[in-house]
Amino acid sequence: QQSVGWSLPLNGLRQWVRGELIASEPVTLVERDEAGRLSQFYQQGWLVEIRRWDETLSLPNKLFLTYDQFDSEIDVRLVVQNWRELDDVAQY
């Protein structure tokens, strides 16, 4: 937060990047695509749009996150080019 002046929602990002909602947090504006997958939702002050899914793994490939605060808008774009399974990842 100190370097950019705002904080990225790391707690939410872990679920969102997997195409999941944070179960313990309120959510609004939930929309789903024709396959029933999340396509848009509003949670923790962020509008999350899942723009593209990996059809094989059923994981998001492209996410747009938007946060409006104090008359300024923060846009974050995430693009996953290659999903891979990591067995050695430490749990946080």
C-alpha atoms as a PDB file:
ATOM      1  CA  GLN A   1       0.000   0.000   0.000  1.00  0.00           C
ATOM      2  CA  GLN A   2       2.807   2.435   0.774  1.00  0.00           C
ATOM      3  CA  SER A   3       4.328   2.290  -2.705  1.00  0.00           C
ATOM      4  CA  VAL A   4       1.130   2.722  -4.739  1.00  0.00           C
ATOM      5  CA  GLY A   5      -1.208   4.442  -2.261  1.00  0.00           C
ATOM      6  CA  TRP A   6      -3.868   1.723  -2.241  1.00  0.00           C
ATOM      7  CA  SER A   7      -4.040  -1.894  -1.202  1.00  0.00           C
ATOM      8  CA  LEU A   8      -4.699  -4.850  -3.448  1.00  0.00           C
ATOM      9  CA  PRO A   9      -7.341  -7.175  -1.973  1.00  0.00           C
ATOM     10  CA  LEU A  10      -4.983 -10.098  -1.387  1.00  0.00           C
ATOM     11  CA  ASN A  11      -7.428 -11.975   0.830  1.00  0.00           C
ATOM     12  CA  GLY A  12     -10.071 -11.874  -1.890  1.00  0.00           C
ATOM     13  CA  LEU A  13      -7.703 -12.279  -4.770  1.00  0.00           C
ATOM     14  CA  ARG A  14      -6.832 -15.807  -3.705  1.00  0.00           C
ATOM     15  CA  GLN A  15     -10.447 -16.912  -4.224  1.00  0.00           C
ATOM     16  CA  TRP A  16     -11.292 -14.605  -7.100  1.00  0.00           C
ATOM     17  CA  VAL A  17      -8.428 -15.801  -9.273  1.00  0.00           C
ATOM     18  CA  ARG A  18      -9.902 -19.302  -8.943  1.00  0.00           C
ATOM     19  CA  GLY A  19     -13.353 -18.080  -9.924  1.00  0.00           C
ATOM     20  CA  GLU A  20     -14.697 -18.333  -6.386  1.00  0.00           C
ATOM     21  CA  LEU A  21     -16.393 -15.942  -3.975  1.00  0.00           C
ATOM     22  CA  ILE A  22     -15.154 -15.282  -0.447  1.00  0.00           C
ATOM     23  CA  ALA A  23     -17.671 -17.317   1.514  1.00  0.00           C
ATOM     24  CA  SER A  24     -17.452 -15.189   4.667  1.00  0.00           C
ATOM     25  CA  GLU A  25     -17.942 -11.842   2.883  1.00  0.00           C
ATOM     26  CA  PRO A  26     -21.124 -10.232   1.528  1.00  0.00           C
ATOM     27  CA  VAL A  27     -21.473 -10.208  -2.241  1.00  0.00           C
ATOM     28  CA  THR A  28     -23.747  -8.345  -4.659  1.00  0.00           C
ATOM     29  CA  LEU A  29     -24.227  -7.962  -8.414  1.00  0.00           C
ATOM     30  CA  VAL A  30     -23.537 -11.637  -9.024  1.00  0.00           C
ATOM     31  CA  GLU A  31     -23.788 -12.628 -12.680  1.00  0.00           C
ATOM     32  CA  ARG A  32     -23.026 -15.979 -14.268  1.00  0.00           C
ATOM     33  CA  ASP A  33     -22.275 -17.027 -17.827  1.00  0.00           C
ATOM     34  CA  GLU A  34     -24.225 -19.597 -19.848  1.00  0.00           C
ATOM     35  CA  ALA A  35     -22.140 -22.393 -18.274  1.00  0.00           C
ATOM     36  CA  GLY A  36     -23.077 -21.229 -14.761  1.00  0.00           C
ATOM     37  CA  ARG A  37     -19.610 -19.842 -13.950  1.00  0.00           C
ATOM     38  CA  LEU A  38     -19.122 -16.478 -12.280  1.00  0.00           C
ATOM     39  CA  SER A  39     -18.738 -13.658 -14.764  1.00  0.00           C
ATOM     40  CA  GLN A  40     -19.159 -10.617 -12.511  1.00  0.00           C
ATOM     41  CA  PHE A  41     -19.644  -9.778  -8.842  1.00  0.00           C
ATOM     42  CA  TYR A  42     -19.025  -7.043  -6.290  1.00  0.00           C
ATOM     43  CA  GLN A  43     -17.191  -7.978  -3.097  1.00  0.00           C
ATOM     44  CA  GLN A  44     -14.989  -6.152  -0.568  1.00  0.00           C
ATOM     45  CA  GLY A  45     -15.513  -2.894  -2.472  1.00  0.00           C
ATOM     46  CA  TRP A  46     -14.204  -4.381  -5.743  1.00  0.00           C
ATOM     47  CA  LEU A  47     -16.123  -5.071  -8.926  1.00  0.00           C
ATOM     48  CA  VAL A  48     -14.656  -8.310 -10.278  1.00  0.00           C
ATOM     49  CA  GLU A  49     -15.255  -9.252 -13.909  1.00  0.00           C
ATOM     50  CA  ILE A  50     -14.105 -12.633 -15.151  1.00  0.00           C
ATOM     51  CA  ARG A  51     -13.667 -11.987 -18.853  1.00  0.00           C
ATOM     52  CA  ARG A  52     -12.299 -15.343 -19.990  1.00  0.00           C
ATOM     53  CA  TRP A  53     -12.149 -18.906 -18.674  1.00  0.00           C
ATOM     54  CA  ASP A  54      -9.764 -21.766 -19.426  1.00  0.00           C
ATOM     55  CA  GLU A  55     -12.251 -24.262 -20.805  1.00  0.00           C
ATOM     56  CA  THR A  56     -10.111 -27.298 -19.975  1.00  0.00           C
ATOM     57  CA  LEU A  57      -9.366 -26.479 -16.331  1.00  0.00           C
ATOM     58  CA  SER A  58     -12.450 -24.333 -15.687  1.00  0.00           C
ATOM     59  CA  LEU A  59     -10.288 -21.604 -14.144  1.00  0.00           C
ATOM     60  CA  PRO A  60     -10.303 -17.897 -15.028  1.00  0.00           C
ATOM     61  CA  ASN A  61      -7.741 -16.662 -17.558  1.00  0.00           C
ATOM     62  CA  LYS A  62      -8.617 -12.964 -17.549  1.00  0.00           C
ATOM     63  CA  LEU A  63      -9.952 -10.890 -14.645  1.00  0.00           C
ATOM     64  CA  PHE A  64     -10.668  -7.163 -14.459  1.00  0.00           C
ATOM     65  CA  LEU A  65     -10.929  -5.645 -10.973  1.00  0.00           C
ATOM     66  CA  THR A  66     -12.226  -2.120 -10.385  1.00  0.00           C
ATOM     67  CA  TYR A  67     -12.296  -0.171  -7.127  1.00  0.00           C
ATOM     68  CA  ASP A  68     -13.897   3.269  -6.858  1.00  0.00           C
ATOM     69  CA  GLN A  69     -12.689   5.271  -3.895  1.00  0.00           C
ATOM     70  CA  PHE A  70     -12.727   8.998  -3.204  1.00  0.00           C
ATOM     71  CA  ASP A  71     -13.412  10.044  -6.796  1.00  0.00           C
ATOM     72  CA  SER A  72     -10.581   7.936  -8.183  1.00  0.00           C
ATOM     73  CA  GLU A  73     -10.828   4.584  -9.875  1.00  0.00           C
ATOM     74  CA  ILE A  74      -8.305   1.786  -9.508  1.00  0.00           C
ATOM     75  CA  ASP A  75      -8.224  -0.770 -12.308  1.00  0.00           C
ATOM     76  CA  VAL A  76      -6.311  -4.028 -12.029  1.00  0.00           C
ATOM     77  CA  ARG A  77      -6.014  -6.471 -14.926  1.00  0.00           C
ATOM     78  CA  LEU A  78      -4.910 -10.055 -14.378  1.00  0.00           C
ATOM     79  CA  VAL A  79      -4.143 -12.415 -17.222  1.00  0.00           C
ATOM     80  CA  VAL A  80      -3.136 -16.025 -16.573  1.00  0.00           C
ATOM     81  CA  GLN A  81      -1.342 -17.477 -19.565  1.00  0.00           C
ATOM     82  CA  ASN A  82      -0.666 -20.916 -18.145  1.00  0.00           C
ATOM     83  CA  TRP A  83      -2.224 -22.615 -15.128  1.00  0.00           C
ATOM     84  CA  ARG A  84      -0.158 -25.311 -13.468  1.00  0.00           C
ATOM     85  CA  GLU A  85      -0.597 -27.330 -10.331  1.00  0.00           C
ATOM     86  CA  LEU A  86       1.902 -26.729  -7.551  1.00  0.00           C
ATOM     87  CA  ASP A  87       2.214 -29.372  -4.884  1.00  0.00           C
ATOM     88  CA  ASP A  88       4.915 -27.527  -2.943  1.00  0.00           C
ATOM     89  CA  VAL A  89       3.085 -24.213  -2.447  1.00  0.00           C
ATOM     90  CA  ALA A  90       3.041 -23.086   1.171  1.00  0.00           C
ATOM     91  CA  GLN A  91      -0.411 -22.426   2.592  1.00  0.00           C
ATOM     92  CA  TYR A  92      -0.903 -18.870   3.828  1.00  0.00           C
END
